[in-house]
Structure formats: structure tokens, C-alpha cells
Amino acid sequence: MREENLADEETWETLIAIYQGNPLWLELTATLIRELFDGRVAEFLQCEMPILDEGLQFQLSLAFGRLTQPELAAMSYLADRTEPVAVSQILNKIQLSPSELVNAVRSLKNRFLLDAIEQEKITLFSLNPVLKQYVKTHYS
């Protein structure tokens, strides 16, 4: 962000958190901030987050273009959730066999497209805000 001459260094941590520290996502977003907000991160953060500019959407489209229908179904379901959910909850809501769903979730998790947390001895899954916004925009 320093290389992009971004201002408001005290807000950089917020920006990093929104874009999950992903270097490519941050680089593309930093360019957007420099071009449209004259480098002012604080002004950019006043917009509804996350913002997915064309470059970031293109990069995400490349990754999503390789997803299977079961993977897309799982991601679409998770994009509509406000809280993380267990695999068993997903299975009860979408039209996939248990094998299809388990394989889809495993594949997504291995590609770092799902966030997993342990809660009360149950693994719960969710999408980060960037992926959630992309799925809602392109697949819902």
C-alpha cells in the first residue's frame, strides 16, 4: 500500500481485513483507491464493502470458471448465509448427494475458497466477504 502511495495509514488494517490479506486482491483494490479516491483509503472505506472492481472480478471469474456444479451450489448456499454452517445443514438445503457435497466442500476448502471454524466440536463453513459478494453478484 505504501508502494501505491495510499494515504490514511491508520485505516490500512481495516482494508487488509476486508480483503483477507490477499496480495492480489489488495493490489487491485489499491490501484482502484489511487485512481478514484486519490489514494485516500478512509474515503474508499466509506463505501459499502467490499467493492469488487473489474480487475478483481476478472481474477475471481477465472477461479470460478473451474468450479463444478456441486461446488457452485455449495458456494451459492453459503453466500446467502449470515452465519457459518455445518455440512449437514447444507445437505438438508441443496439438491446434492452426500458424496457430491462432501467432495465439493473438501475441494473448496483445499483451494482456500471456504473459511472453516471449529465451534462446539463442529466444523462450520462460510465464505469471506469478497467471495460472498462475488457469488451474490454473479450466481444468485
N, C-alpha and C. Protein backbone atom coordinates (compact mmCIF):
# COMPACT_ATOMS: atom_id res chain seq x y z
N MET A 1 0.82 -1.18 0.00
CA MET A 1 0.00 0.00 0.00
C MET A 1 0.87 1.25 0.00
N ARG A 2 2.01 1.11 0.62
CA ARG A 2 2.96 2.23 0.60
C ARG A 2 3.44 2.46 -0.83
N GLU A 3 3.69 1.37 -1.57
CA GLU A 3 4.14 1.49 -2.96
C GLU A 3 3.08 2.13 -3.85
N GLU A 4 1.81 1.96 -3.49
CA GLU A 4 0.72 2.58 -4.25
C GLU A 4 0.44 4.01 -3.80
N ASN A 5 1.23 4.50 -2.83
CA ASN A 5 1.08 5.85 -2.29
C ASN A 5 -0.30 6.08 -1.68
N LEU A 6 -0.79 5.09 -0.95
CA LEU A 6 -2.09 5.25 -0.31
C LEU A 6 -1.95 6.06 0.97
N ALA A 7 -2.96 6.87 1.24
CA ALA A 7 -2.98 7.71 2.43
C ALA A 7 -3.75 7.00 3.55
N ASP A 8 -3.82 7.64 4.68
CA ASP A 8 -4.61 7.17 5.82
C ASP A 8 -4.11 5.82 6.33
N GLU A 9 -2.81 5.78 6.64
CA GLU A 9 -2.19 4.52 7.06
C GLU A 9 -2.93 3.87 8.23
N GLU A 10 -3.56 4.67 9.07
CA GLU A 10 -4.29 4.11 10.22
C GLU A 10 -5.50 3.27 9.80
N THR A 11 -5.92 3.36 8.53
CA THR A 11 -7.06 2.58 8.04
C THR A 11 -6.65 1.35 7.24
N TRP A 12 -5.37 1.19 7.02
CA TRP A 12 -4.89 0.08 6.19
C TRP A 12 -5.26 -1.27 6.77
N GLU A 13 -5.21 -1.41 8.09
CA GLU A 13 -5.55 -2.71 8.70
C GLU A 13 -6.99 -3.09 8.39
N THR A 14 -7.88 -2.11 8.37
CA THR A 14 -9.28 -2.37 8.03
C THR A 14 -9.38 -2.87 6.59
N LEU A 15 -8.68 -2.22 5.70
CA LEU A 15 -8.67 -2.63 4.29
C LEU A 15 -8.11 -4.04 4.14
N ILE A 16 -7.03 -4.32 4.83
CA ILE A 16 -6.41 -5.65 4.77
C ILE A 16 -7.38 -6.71 5.28
N ALA A 17 -8.09 -6.41 6.35
CA ALA A 17 -9.06 -7.36 6.91
C ALA A 17 -10.20 -7.63 5.94
N ILE A 18 -10.71 -6.60 5.31
CA ILE A 18 -11.83 -6.76 4.36
C ILE A 18 -11.42 -7.68 3.21
N TYR A 19 -10.21 -7.49 2.70
CA TYR A 19 -9.75 -8.27 1.56
C TYR A 19 -8.88 -9.46 1.98
N GLN A 20 -9.06 -9.88 3.25
CA GLN A 20 -8.47 -11.10 3.78
C GLN A 20 -6.96 -11.19 3.60
N GLY A 21 -6.29 -10.06 3.47
CA GLY A 21 -4.85 -10.05 3.31
C GLY A 21 -4.36 -10.64 1.99
N ASN A 22 -5.28 -10.89 1.06
CA ASN A 22 -4.91 -11.48 -0.23
C ASN A 22 -4.11 -10.45 -1.03
N PRO A 23 -2.85 -10.75 -1.34
CA PRO A 23 -2.00 -9.76 -2.01
C PRO A 23 -2.56 -9.27 -3.35
N LEU A 24 -3.08 -10.17 -4.17
CA LEU A 24 -3.62 -9.76 -5.46
C LEU A 24 -4.85 -8.88 -5.28
N TRP A 25 -5.75 -9.29 -4.41
CA TRP A 25 -6.96 -8.50 -4.17
C TRP A 25 -6.60 -7.11 -3.65
N LEU A 26 -5.62 -7.06 -2.75
CA LEU A 26 -5.20 -5.76 -2.21
C LEU A 26 -4.52 -4.90 -3.26
N GLU A 27 -3.72 -5.51 -4.10
CA GLU A 27 -3.05 -4.75 -5.17
C GLU A 27 -4.08 -4.14 -6.12
N LEU A 28 -5.05 -4.93 -6.54
CA LEU A 28 -6.08 -4.43 -7.44
C LEU A 28 -6.92 -3.34 -6.78
N THR A 29 -7.23 -3.53 -5.51
CA THR A 29 -8.03 -2.55 -4.79
C THR A 29 -7.23 -1.28 -4.53
N ALA A 30 -5.95 -1.42 -4.24
CA ALA A 30 -5.10 -0.24 -4.03
C ALA A 30 -5.04 0.61 -5.29
N THR A 31 -4.96 -0.04 -6.45
CA THR A 31 -4.95 0.71 -7.71
C THR A 31 -6.27 1.48 -7.87
N LEU A 32 -7.37 0.84 -7.56
CA LEU A 32 -8.67 1.49 -7.63
C LEU A 32 -8.72 2.70 -6.69
N ILE A 33 -8.24 2.52 -5.47
CA ILE A 33 -8.24 3.61 -4.49
C ILE A 33 -7.38 4.77 -4.98
N ARG A 34 -6.24 4.46 -5.54
CA ARG A 34 -5.36 5.53 -6.04
C ARG A 34 -6.02 6.27 -7.19
N GLU A 35 -6.66 5.53 -8.11
CA GLU A 35 -7.24 6.14 -9.30
C GLU A 35 -8.52 6.93 -9.02
N LEU A 36 -9.39 6.40 -8.17
CA LEU A 36 -10.69 7.03 -7.98
C LEU A 36 -10.82 7.85 -6.70
N PHE A 37 -9.99 7.56 -5.71
CA PHE A 37 -10.10 8.24 -4.42
C PHE A 37 -8.81 9.00 -4.09
N ASP A 38 -7.98 9.21 -5.11
CA ASP A 38 -6.71 9.92 -4.94
C ASP A 38 -5.88 9.32 -3.82
N GLY A 39 -6.00 8.00 -3.66
CA GLY A 39 -5.20 7.30 -2.66
C GLY A 39 -5.73 7.34 -1.25
N ARG A 40 -6.89 7.96 -1.03
CA ARG A 40 -7.45 8.10 0.32
C ARG A 40 -8.24 6.85 0.72
N VAL A 41 -7.64 6.00 1.52
CA VAL A 41 -8.27 4.76 1.95
C VAL A 41 -9.51 5.06 2.80
N ALA A 42 -9.43 6.06 3.66
CA ALA A 42 -10.57 6.40 4.53
C ALA A 42 -11.81 6.75 3.70
N GLU A 43 -11.61 7.48 2.63
CA GLU A 43 -12.74 7.83 1.76
C GLU A 43 -13.30 6.58 1.08
N PHE A 44 -12.42 5.72 0.60
CA PHE A 44 -12.84 4.46 -0.02
C PHE A 44 -13.66 3.61 0.94
N LEU A 45 -13.22 3.54 2.19
CA LEU A 45 -13.89 2.71 3.19
C LEU A 45 -15.28 3.24 3.58
N GLN A 46 -15.60 4.45 3.17
CA GLN A 46 -16.93 4.98 3.43
C GLN A 46 -17.97 4.33 2.51
N CYS A 47 -17.53 3.68 1.46
CA CYS A 47 -18.42 2.98 0.55
C CYS A 47 -18.82 1.64 1.16
N GLU A 48 -19.89 1.06 0.64
CA GLU A 48 -20.30 -0.27 1.11
C GLU A 48 -19.24 -1.28 0.68
N MET A 49 -18.79 -2.08 1.61
CA MET A 49 -17.70 -3.02 1.36
C MET A 49 -18.23 -4.44 1.22
N PRO A 50 -17.51 -5.29 0.53
CA PRO A 50 -16.32 -4.99 -0.27
C PRO A 50 -16.71 -4.52 -1.66
N ILE A 51 -15.85 -3.73 -2.26
CA ILE A 51 -16.03 -3.31 -3.64
C ILE A 51 -15.16 -4.21 -4.51
N LEU A 52 -15.76 -4.74 -5.56
CA LEU A 52 -15.04 -5.62 -6.47
C LEU A 52 -14.91 -4.92 -7.81
N ASP A 53 -13.74 -4.34 -8.07
CA ASP A 53 -13.56 -3.67 -9.36
C ASP A 53 -13.43 -4.70 -10.47
N GLU A 54 -13.40 -4.25 -11.71
CA GLU A 54 -13.37 -5.15 -12.86
C GLU A 54 -12.18 -6.11 -12.82
N GLY A 55 -11.02 -5.62 -12.42
CA GLY A 55 -9.83 -6.47 -12.36
C GLY A 55 -10.00 -7.60 -11.36
N LEU A 56 -10.54 -7.28 -10.21
CA LEU A 56 -10.77 -8.30 -9.19
C LEU A 56 -11.85 -9.28 -9.64
N GLN A 57 -12.91 -8.76 -10.25
CA GLN A 57 -13.96 -9.64 -10.76
C GLN A 57 -13.41 -10.59 -11.83
N PHE A 58 -12.54 -10.08 -12.67
CA PHE A 58 -11.93 -10.93 -13.70
C PHE A 58 -11.12 -12.05 -13.07
N GLN A 59 -10.29 -11.71 -12.08
CA GLN A 59 -9.48 -12.72 -11.41
C GLN A 59 -10.37 -13.78 -10.74
N LEU A 60 -11.45 -13.34 -10.11
CA LEU A 60 -12.37 -14.28 -9.48
C LEU A 60 -13.08 -15.13 -10.52
N SER A 61 -13.41 -14.54 -11.67
CA SER A 61 -14.10 -15.32 -12.71
C SER A 61 -13.22 -16.46 -13.22
N LEU A 62 -11.91 -16.25 -13.23
CA LEU A 62 -11.00 -17.33 -13.65
C LEU A 62 -11.08 -18.50 -12.67
N ALA A 63 -11.07 -18.19 -11.39
CA ALA A 63 -11.16 -19.25 -10.38
C ALA A 63 -12.53 -19.92 -10.40
N PHE A 64 -13.58 -19.14 -10.54
CA PHE A 64 -14.93 -19.70 -10.52
C PHE A 64 -15.24 -20.48 -11.79
N GLY A 65 -14.56 -20.16 -12.88
CA GLY A 65 -14.77 -20.89 -14.12
C GLY A 65 -14.35 -22.34 -14.04
N ARG A 66 -13.52 -22.66 -13.05
CA ARG A 66 -13.05 -24.04 -12.88
C ARG A 66 -13.88 -24.83 -11.87
N LEU A 67 -14.89 -24.21 -11.28
CA LEU A 67 -15.69 -24.89 -10.27
C LEU A 67 -16.73 -25.80 -10.91
N THR A 68 -17.03 -26.89 -10.22
CA THR A 68 -18.06 -27.82 -10.67
C THR A 68 -19.43 -27.31 -10.22
N GLN A 69 -20.48 -27.89 -10.77
CA GLN A 69 -21.84 -27.50 -10.36
C GLN A 69 -22.06 -27.73 -8.86
N PRO A 70 -21.65 -28.87 -8.28
CA PRO A 70 -21.81 -29.03 -6.83
C PRO A 70 -21.05 -27.97 -6.02
N GLU A 71 -19.86 -27.60 -6.47
CA GLU A 71 -19.10 -26.56 -5.78
C GLU A 71 -19.82 -25.22 -5.85
N LEU A 72 -20.34 -24.90 -7.04
CA LEU A 72 -21.10 -23.65 -7.19
C LEU A 72 -22.36 -23.65 -6.34
N ALA A 73 -23.03 -24.80 -6.26
CA ALA A 73 -24.24 -24.90 -5.44
C ALA A 73 -23.91 -24.66 -3.97
N ALA A 74 -22.84 -25.25 -3.49
CA ALA A 74 -22.43 -25.04 -2.10
C ALA A 74 -22.06 -23.59 -1.84
N MET A 75 -21.33 -22.98 -2.77
CA MET A 75 -20.94 -21.58 -2.59
C MET A 75 -22.15 -20.66 -2.64
N SER A 76 -23.09 -20.94 -3.51
CA SER A 76 -24.31 -20.11 -3.59
C SER A 76 -25.10 -20.19 -2.29
N TYR A 77 -25.20 -21.38 -1.73
CA TYR A 77 -25.90 -21.54 -0.47
C TYR A 77 -25.19 -20.74 0.64
N LEU A 78 -23.88 -20.88 0.72
CA LEU A 78 -23.12 -20.18 1.75
C LEU A 78 -23.15 -18.67 1.58
N ALA A 79 -23.25 -18.20 0.35
CA ALA A 79 -23.29 -16.75 0.10
C ALA A 79 -24.54 -16.11 0.70
N ASP A 80 -25.60 -16.88 0.84
CA ASP A 80 -26.84 -16.36 1.40
C ASP A 80 -26.91 -16.47 2.92
N ARG A 81 -25.93 -17.08 3.55
CA ARG A 81 -25.94 -17.27 5.00
C ARG A 81 -25.21 -16.13 5.68
N THR A 82 -25.75 -15.71 6.81
CA THR A 82 -25.08 -14.69 7.60
C THR A 82 -24.17 -15.29 8.65
N GLU A 83 -24.38 -16.58 8.96
CA GLU A 83 -23.57 -17.28 9.95
C GLU A 83 -22.95 -18.53 9.30
N PRO A 84 -21.81 -18.98 9.80
CA PRO A 84 -21.22 -20.23 9.30
C PRO A 84 -22.16 -21.41 9.54
N VAL A 85 -22.09 -22.41 8.67
CA VAL A 85 -22.97 -23.58 8.76
C VAL A 85 -22.17 -24.87 8.63
N ALA A 86 -22.75 -25.94 9.18
CA ALA A 86 -22.14 -27.26 9.11
C ALA A 86 -22.53 -27.93 7.79
N VAL A 87 -21.75 -28.91 7.37
CA VAL A 87 -22.04 -29.65 6.15
C VAL A 87 -23.44 -30.25 6.21
N SER A 88 -23.82 -30.78 7.37
CA SER A 88 -25.15 -31.39 7.50
C SER A 88 -26.27 -30.39 7.23
N GLN A 89 -26.06 -29.13 7.60
CA GLN A 89 -27.06 -28.09 7.33
C GLN A 89 -27.15 -27.80 5.83
N ILE A 90 -26.03 -27.81 5.17
CA ILE A 90 -26.03 -27.56 3.73
C ILE A 90 -26.74 -28.70 3.02
N LEU A 91 -26.45 -29.91 3.42
CA LEU A 91 -27.02 -31.09 2.78
C LEU A 91 -28.54 -31.09 2.85
N ASN A 92 -29.09 -30.59 3.93
CA ASN A 92 -30.54 -30.55 4.09
C ASN A 92 -31.20 -29.47 3.24
N LYS A 93 -30.40 -28.60 2.64
CA LYS A 93 -30.97 -27.44 1.92
C LYS A 93 -30.72 -27.44 0.42
N ILE A 94 -29.75 -28.20 -0.07
CA ILE A 94 -29.48 -28.19 -1.51
C ILE A 94 -29.59 -29.59 -2.08
N GLN A 95 -29.84 -29.66 -3.35
CA GLN A 95 -30.09 -30.93 -4.04
C GLN A 95 -28.79 -31.59 -4.49
N LEU A 96 -28.03 -32.10 -3.53
CA LEU A 96 -26.81 -32.83 -3.84
C LEU A 96 -26.80 -34.10 -3.00
N SER A 97 -26.17 -35.14 -3.53
CA SER A 97 -25.98 -36.33 -2.72
C SER A 97 -24.95 -36.02 -1.64
N PRO A 98 -24.95 -36.80 -0.56
CA PRO A 98 -23.93 -36.57 0.47
C PRO A 98 -22.50 -36.63 -0.10
N SER A 99 -22.24 -37.56 -1.01
CA SER A 99 -20.90 -37.67 -1.59
C SER A 99 -20.54 -36.43 -2.41
N GLU A 100 -21.49 -35.96 -3.22
CA GLU A 100 -21.23 -34.76 -4.03
C GLU A 100 -20.92 -33.57 -3.13
N LEU A 101 -21.70 -33.40 -2.07
CA LEU A 101 -21.49 -32.25 -1.20
C LEU A 101 -20.16 -32.35 -0.46
N VAL A 102 -19.86 -33.51 0.09
CA VAL A 102 -18.61 -33.67 0.83
C VAL A 102 -17.42 -33.43 -0.09
N ASN A 103 -17.47 -33.96 -1.29
CA ASN A 103 -16.37 -33.74 -2.23
C ASN A 103 -16.27 -32.27 -2.64
N ALA A 104 -17.41 -31.61 -2.82
CA ALA A 104 -17.40 -30.19 -3.18
C ALA A 104 -16.81 -29.35 -2.06
N VAL A 105 -17.24 -29.60 -0.83
CA VAL A 105 -16.74 -28.82 0.30
C VAL A 105 -15.24 -29.07 0.50
N ARG A 106 -14.83 -30.31 0.38
CA ARG A 106 -13.40 -30.62 0.52
C ARG A 106 -12.58 -29.88 -0.54
N SER A 107 -13.04 -29.93 -1.78
CA SER A 107 -12.33 -29.26 -2.86
C SER A 107 -12.25 -27.75 -2.63
N LEU A 108 -13.36 -27.14 -2.23
CA LEU A 108 -13.39 -25.70 -1.98
C LEU A 108 -12.47 -25.33 -0.82
N LYS A 109 -12.49 -26.14 0.21
CA LYS A 109 -11.64 -25.88 1.37
C LYS A 109 -10.16 -26.00 0.99
N ASN A 110 -9.83 -27.01 0.20
CA ASN A 110 -8.44 -27.21 -0.23
C ASN A 110 -7.94 -26.07 -1.11
N ARG A 111 -8.86 -25.40 -1.80
CA ARG A 111 -8.48 -24.26 -2.67
C ARG A 111 -8.60 -22.93 -1.94
N PHE A 112 -8.85 -23.00 -0.64
CA PHE A 112 -8.97 -21.80 0.20
C PHE A 112 -10.13 -20.91 -0.21
N LEU A 113 -11.19 -21.52 -0.74
CA LEU A 113 -12.38 -20.76 -1.12
C LEU A 113 -13.45 -20.80 -0.03
N LEU A 114 -13.22 -21.55 1.02
CA LEU A 114 -14.12 -21.59 2.17
C LEU A 114 -13.33 -21.29 3.43
N ASP A 115 -13.98 -20.61 4.36
CA ASP A 115 -13.41 -20.43 5.68
C ASP A 115 -14.02 -21.49 6.59
N ALA A 116 -13.20 -22.15 7.37
CA ALA A 116 -13.67 -23.18 8.30
C ALA A 116 -13.31 -22.77 9.72
N ILE A 117 -14.28 -22.94 10.62
CA ILE A 117 -14.04 -22.67 12.04
C ILE A 117 -14.60 -23.83 12.86
N GLU A 118 -13.99 -24.06 13.99
CA GLU A 118 -14.47 -25.07 14.93
C GLU A 118 -15.31 -24.36 15.98
N GLN A 119 -16.50 -24.91 16.22
CA GLN A 119 -17.38 -24.33 17.23
C GLN A 119 -18.14 -25.46 17.90
N GLU A 120 -17.91 -25.63 19.19
CA GLU A 120 -18.57 -26.69 19.96
C GLU A 120 -18.39 -28.06 19.30
N LYS A 121 -17.17 -28.36 18.92
CA LYS A 121 -16.78 -29.64 18.32
C LYS A 121 -17.47 -29.92 16.98
N ILE A 122 -17.86 -28.86 16.29
CA ILE A 122 -18.45 -28.98 14.96
C ILE A 122 -17.69 -28.02 14.04
N THR A 123 -17.38 -28.49 12.83
CA THR A 123 -16.73 -27.62 11.85
C THR A 123 -17.80 -26.89 11.06
N LEU A 124 -17.68 -25.58 11.03
CA LEU A 124 -18.62 -24.73 10.32
C LEU A 124 -17.90 -24.04 9.17
N PHE A 125 -18.64 -23.81 8.09
CA PHE A 125 -18.05 -23.21 6.89
C PHE A 125 -18.77 -21.93 6.52
N SER A 126 -18.01 -21.02 5.94
CA SER A 126 -18.56 -19.76 5.45
C SER A 126 -17.69 -19.24 4.32
N LEU A 127 -18.18 -18.18 3.68
CA LEU A 127 -17.41 -17.50 2.64
C LEU A 127 -16.89 -16.18 3.20
N ASN A 128 -15.70 -15.78 2.78
CA ASN A 128 -15.23 -14.47 3.19
C ASN A 128 -16.04 -13.41 2.44
N PRO A 129 -16.03 -12.17 2.90
CA PRO A 129 -16.88 -11.13 2.31
C PRO A 129 -16.67 -10.90 0.81
N VAL A 130 -15.43 -11.01 0.34
CA VAL A 130 -15.15 -10.79 -1.08
C VAL A 130 -15.82 -11.87 -1.93
N LEU A 131 -15.62 -13.12 -1.56
CA LEU A 131 -16.23 -14.22 -2.31
C LEU A 131 -17.74 -14.19 -2.19
N LYS A 132 -18.25 -13.86 -1.02
CA LYS A 132 -19.70 -13.78 -0.82
C LYS A 132 -20.30 -12.73 -1.77
N GLN A 133 -19.66 -11.57 -1.86
CA GLN A 133 -20.15 -10.51 -2.74
C GLN A 133 -20.09 -10.97 -4.20
N TYR A 134 -19.02 -11.63 -4.58
CA TYR A 134 -18.88 -12.11 -5.97
C TYR A 134 -19.97 -13.12 -6.30
N VAL A 135 -20.19 -14.08 -5.43
CA VAL A 135 -21.21 -15.10 -5.67
C VAL A 135 -22.59 -14.46 -5.73
N LYS A 136 -22.90 -13.58 -4.83
CA LYS A 136 -24.22 -12.91 -4.84
C LYS A 136 -24.43 -12.14 -6.14
N THR A 137 -23.40 -11.51 -6.62
CA THR A 137 -23.50 -10.71 -7.84
C THR A 137 -23.61 -11.57 -9.10
N HIS A 138 -22.91 -12.69 -9.13
CA HIS A 138 -22.80 -13.47 -10.37
C HIS A 138 -23.58 -14.78 -10.40
N TYR A 139 -24.00 -15.29 -9.24
CA TYR A 139 -24.61 -16.62 -9.23
C TYR A 139 -25.95 -16.68 -8.50
N SER A 140 -26.43 -15.58 -7.99
CA SER A 140 -27.71 -15.62 -7.27
C SER A 140 -28.83 -15.00 -8.07
